[in-house]
Structure formats: structure tokens, C-alpha cells
Protein backbone atom coordinates (compact mmCIF):
# COMPACT_ATOMS: atom_id res chain seq x y z
CA MET A 1 0.00 0.00 0.00
CA PRO A 2 1.49 3.35 -0.96
CA ARG A 3 2.07 5.98 1.71
CA GLN A 4 -0.21 9.03 1.55
CA SER A 5 2.74 11.16 0.40
CA GLU A 6 3.25 8.88 -2.63
CA ILE A 7 -0.32 8.98 -3.94
CA VAL A 8 -0.35 12.44 -5.55
CA PRO A 9 2.99 12.01 -7.39
CA LEU A 10 1.89 8.57 -8.67
CA ALA A 11 -1.54 9.89 -9.67
CA TYR A 12 0.06 12.85 -11.47
CA GLU A 13 2.48 10.58 -13.34
CA LEU A 14 -0.38 8.29 -14.38
CA VAL A 15 -2.50 11.20 -15.61
CA TYR A 16 0.49 12.73 -17.39
CA ARG A 17 1.48 9.45 -19.11
CA ARG A 18 -2.09 8.93 -20.36
CA TYR A 19 -2.13 12.52 -21.61
CA SER A 20 1.25 12.06 -23.27
CA MET A 21 0.22 8.78 -24.92
CA ASN A 22 -2.89 10.47 -26.33
CA ARG A 23 -0.87 13.21 -27.99
CA ASP A 24 2.06 11.17 -29.22
CA ARG A 25 3.69 11.61 -32.58
CA SER A 26 1.79 8.71 -34.09
CA SER A 27 -0.99 11.17 -34.92
CA ASP A 28 1.17 12.10 -37.92
CA LEU A 29 0.72 8.52 -39.11
CA PHE A 30 -3.00 9.16 -39.52
CA ASP A 31 -3.41 11.35 -42.56
CA GLU A 32 -6.36 9.75 -44.37
CA LEU A 33 -8.16 8.11 -41.46
CA THR A 34 -8.61 9.31 -37.91
CA ARG A 35 -7.75 6.90 -35.10
CA PRO A 36 -11.44 6.17 -34.36
CA GLU A 37 -12.08 5.52 -38.07
CA TYR A 38 -9.16 3.11 -38.25
CA ILE A 39 -10.22 1.32 -35.07
CA ALA A 40 -13.81 1.02 -36.35
CA LEU A 41 -12.74 -0.24 -39.79
CA HIS A 42 -10.37 -2.74 -38.18
CA ASN A 43 -13.18 -3.94 -35.91
CA ILE A 44 -15.46 -4.34 -38.93
CA ALA A 45 -12.96 -6.11 -41.19
CA GLY A 46 -10.75 -7.88 -38.66
CA ASP A 47 -8.24 -10.15 -40.35
CA MET A 48 -10.60 -11.03 -43.20
CA THR A 49 -9.80 -10.83 -46.86
CA GLU A 50 -11.28 -7.87 -48.70
CA GLU A 51 -13.92 -10.06 -50.30
CA ALA A 52 -15.06 -11.55 -46.98
CA ALA A 53 -14.85 -8.20 -45.14
CA CYS A 54 -16.99 -6.44 -47.75
CA GLU A 55 -19.80 -8.92 -47.01
CA ASN A 56 -19.46 -8.89 -43.20
CA LYS A 57 -22.27 -7.13 -41.33
CA VAL A 58 -21.28 -5.58 -38.02
CA TYR A 59 -24.13 -4.22 -35.94
CA LEU A 60 -23.61 -0.78 -34.44
CA SER A 61 -24.37 -2.15 -30.97
CA ASP A 62 -21.55 -4.71 -31.35
CA LEU A 63 -19.18 -2.09 -32.74
CA ALA A 64 -20.00 0.26 -29.84
CA GLU A 65 -19.27 -2.53 -27.37
CA ARG A 66 -15.94 -3.38 -29.04
CA MET A 67 -14.92 0.29 -29.13
CA GLU A 68 -16.17 0.87 -25.57
CA ALA A 69 -18.28 3.80 -26.74
CA THR A 70 -21.94 4.74 -26.83
CA ILE A 71 -24.12 3.82 -29.77
CA GLN A 72 -24.61 7.56 -30.37
CA ALA A 73 -20.85 8.13 -30.71
CA VAL A 74 -20.44 5.12 -33.01
CA SER A 75 -23.51 6.16 -34.99
CA SER A 76 -21.98 9.60 -35.57
CA LEU A 77 -18.71 7.97 -36.64
CA ALA A 78 -20.55 5.56 -38.96
CA SER A 79 -22.39 8.48 -40.55
CA LYS A 80 -19.09 10.25 -41.23
CA MET A 81 -17.51 7.07 -42.64
CA LYS A 82 -20.55 6.49 -44.84
CA SER A 83 -20.25 9.99 -46.32
CA GLN A 84 -16.56 9.27 -47.01
CA GLY A 85 -17.46 6.03 -48.77
CA TYR A 86 -15.71 3.79 -46.23
CA VAL A 87 -18.81 1.88 -45.13
CA LYS A 88 -22.33 1.05 -46.22
CA TRP A 89 -24.86 1.60 -43.47
CA SER A 90 -28.11 -0.33 -43.52
CA HIS A 91 -30.61 -2.07 -41.29
CA ASP A 92 -32.49 -5.33 -40.96
CA GLY A 93 -36.24 -5.19 -41.39
CA ALA A 94 -37.63 -1.74 -40.71
CA GLY A 95 -34.65 -0.97 -38.49
CA GLU A 96 -36.04 -2.44 -35.29
CA GLU A 97 -33.83 -5.51 -35.69
CA GLY A 98 -30.69 -3.38 -35.70
CA THR A 99 -28.57 -1.24 -37.94
CA TYR A 100 -25.25 -2.43 -39.27
CA VAL A 101 -22.27 -1.35 -41.31
CA ILE A 102 -20.32 -3.17 -43.98
CA ILE A 103 -16.87 -2.01 -45.03
CA THR A 104 -16.54 -0.94 -48.67
CA PRO A 105 -13.55 -1.68 -50.93
CA SER A 106 -12.36 1.93 -50.46
CA GLY A 107 -12.74 1.58 -46.67
CA TYR A 108 -10.79 -1.67 -46.76
CA LYS A 109 -8.05 -0.03 -48.84
CA ALA A 110 -7.85 2.97 -46.48
CA MET A 111 -7.56 0.59 -43.51
CA LYS A 112 -4.81 -1.46 -45.19
CA ASP A 113 -2.93 1.70 -46.23
CA GLN A 114 -3.09 2.85 -42.60
CA GLU A 115 -1.81 -0.52 -41.40
CA ASN A 116 1.15 -0.30 -43.77
CA ARG A 117 2.08 3.17 -42.44
CA MET A 118 1.80 1.87 -38.89
CA LYS A 119 3.88 -1.24 -39.63
CA LYS A 120 6.86 0.86 -40.69
CA HIS A 121 6.71 3.11 -37.64
CA TYR A 122 5.89 0.54 -34.99
CA ALA A 123 8.39 -2.01 -36.31
CA LYS A 124 11.10 0.49 -35.33
CA VAL A 125 9.47 1.18 -31.95
CA ILE A 126 9.18 -2.54 -31.20
CA ARG A 127 12.75 -3.18 -32.32
CA LYS A 128 14.06 -0.45 -29.97
CA PHE A 129 11.78 -1.14 -27.00
CA GLY A 130 11.60 -4.93 -27.35
CA LYS A 131 8.67 -7.15 -28.27
CA GLU A 132 8.57 -8.92 -24.90
CA ARG A 133 8.70 -5.64 -22.97
CA LEU A 134 5.95 -4.14 -25.12
CA THR A 135 3.76 -7.24 -24.76
CA ALA A 136 4.19 -7.15 -20.97
CA LEU A 137 3.51 -3.39 -20.85
CA LEU A 138 0.33 -3.73 -22.92
CA LYS A 139 -0.88 -6.55 -20.67
CA GLU A 140 -0.26 -4.41 -17.59
CA MET A 141 -1.94 -1.38 -19.20
CA LYS A 142 -5.02 -3.49 -19.91
CA GLU A 143 -5.08 -4.69 -16.30
CA LEU A 144 -4.70 -1.10 -15.09
CA ASP A 145 -7.57 0.02 -17.34
CA GLU A 146 -9.75 -2.75 -15.86
CA VAL A 147 -8.89 -1.69 -12.29
CA MET A 148 -9.54 1.98 -13.12
CA GLU A 149 -12.88 1.01 -14.68
CA GLN A 150 -13.83 -1.02 -11.60
CA VAL A 151 -12.87 1.76 -9.17
CA GLY A 152 -14.66 4.31 -11.35
CA GLU A 153 -17.84 2.23 -11.25
CA GLU A 154 -17.55 1.81 -7.47
CA GLU A 155 -17.19 5.59 -7.06
CA GLY A 156 -19.89 6.45 -9.59
CA VAL A 157 -17.44 8.10 -12.01
CA LYS A 158 -18.90 7.91 -15.50
CA PRO A 159 -16.62 7.19 -18.46
CA ASN A 160 -16.44 9.83 -21.17
CA ASP A 161 -17.69 7.55 -23.92
CA ASN A 162 -19.98 10.00 -25.71
CA GLU A 163 -17.07 11.18 -27.82
CA LEU A 164 -14.43 9.18 -29.58
CA PRO A 165 -10.98 10.73 -29.05
CA GLU A 166 -9.05 11.62 -32.19
């Protein structure tokens, strides 16, 4: 258990690191897609071939759950991606059975182009930092996120999931 005098410096460092990670230089890697667009397209297409991905329906409710965001935020994102030609947006029945998106060939291409830009950059990062260290760090970050989520729920702190960060 940390001493009372250690809590504020640790809390500050945690807040600062999260802030720093959110404004890192990788934003320059995203010139065609935004981060939320890439994450959404990747969640829609997964590791499928273009042909399979362009036939894969992903319901907005499932996409919102995967992205840990509200349906309203994902709906707004889907609307933007539809206007850019990255997804088709449709519904089953009269809409009461759910709305879904399907990635288009241009959306699939944009996603793959983004992945290629990221591969070049992150290959260097992984080579310098170490694959094992990065894997361990990501595992610990996920565990920390889960603990922060749990404590937030216990304290009634609501997540800011109405907006998707750029």
C-alpha cells in the first residue's frame, strides 16, 4: 500500500502518461483516417480478406461494445464514414432488428494503407523497446484500465464515452 505522500505524485504521473500517450507523434501517421475511423474499420474487417470483409455485417451495438463507446458516438462515426465512402450503413427489417455497417472496398483499402504506415513506424518502436517488454507493458496497461474502470464504477465516475478521441 502506498504511503499518503506517494499517492499524488503517482496519480500525477499516471495522468500525465495517459495525456502524453494520447498526444504522441503517431498522430502524424494518420493522414487519411482518424484513429477512431481506423479502429472502427479494423473492428469491422478484422483479419478477413477484402472479399469476406466487404460482405461482413457488423451491428452498431456490437461495434460500440468493441470500441467501448456509446451507440450515439459510433452512430456519428458511422455516418461520417458512410459519407466518405468507407462503409455502407443499412438495417435489418424496418430498423427495429438493428442497424449495421459493412466495409466498402475503399474503406478496406484505407484501412490497409493505414496498417502499412503503422507497420513501418511501430516495427522500429518494437525493435528499440523490445517485443517482450511491449507485450508485458500492454498486458499491464489493460489490467490497469480494468482496475480503473472497476474503481470508477464503485465511485460512480462515468466514463467519457460520448465522444471518440481523435
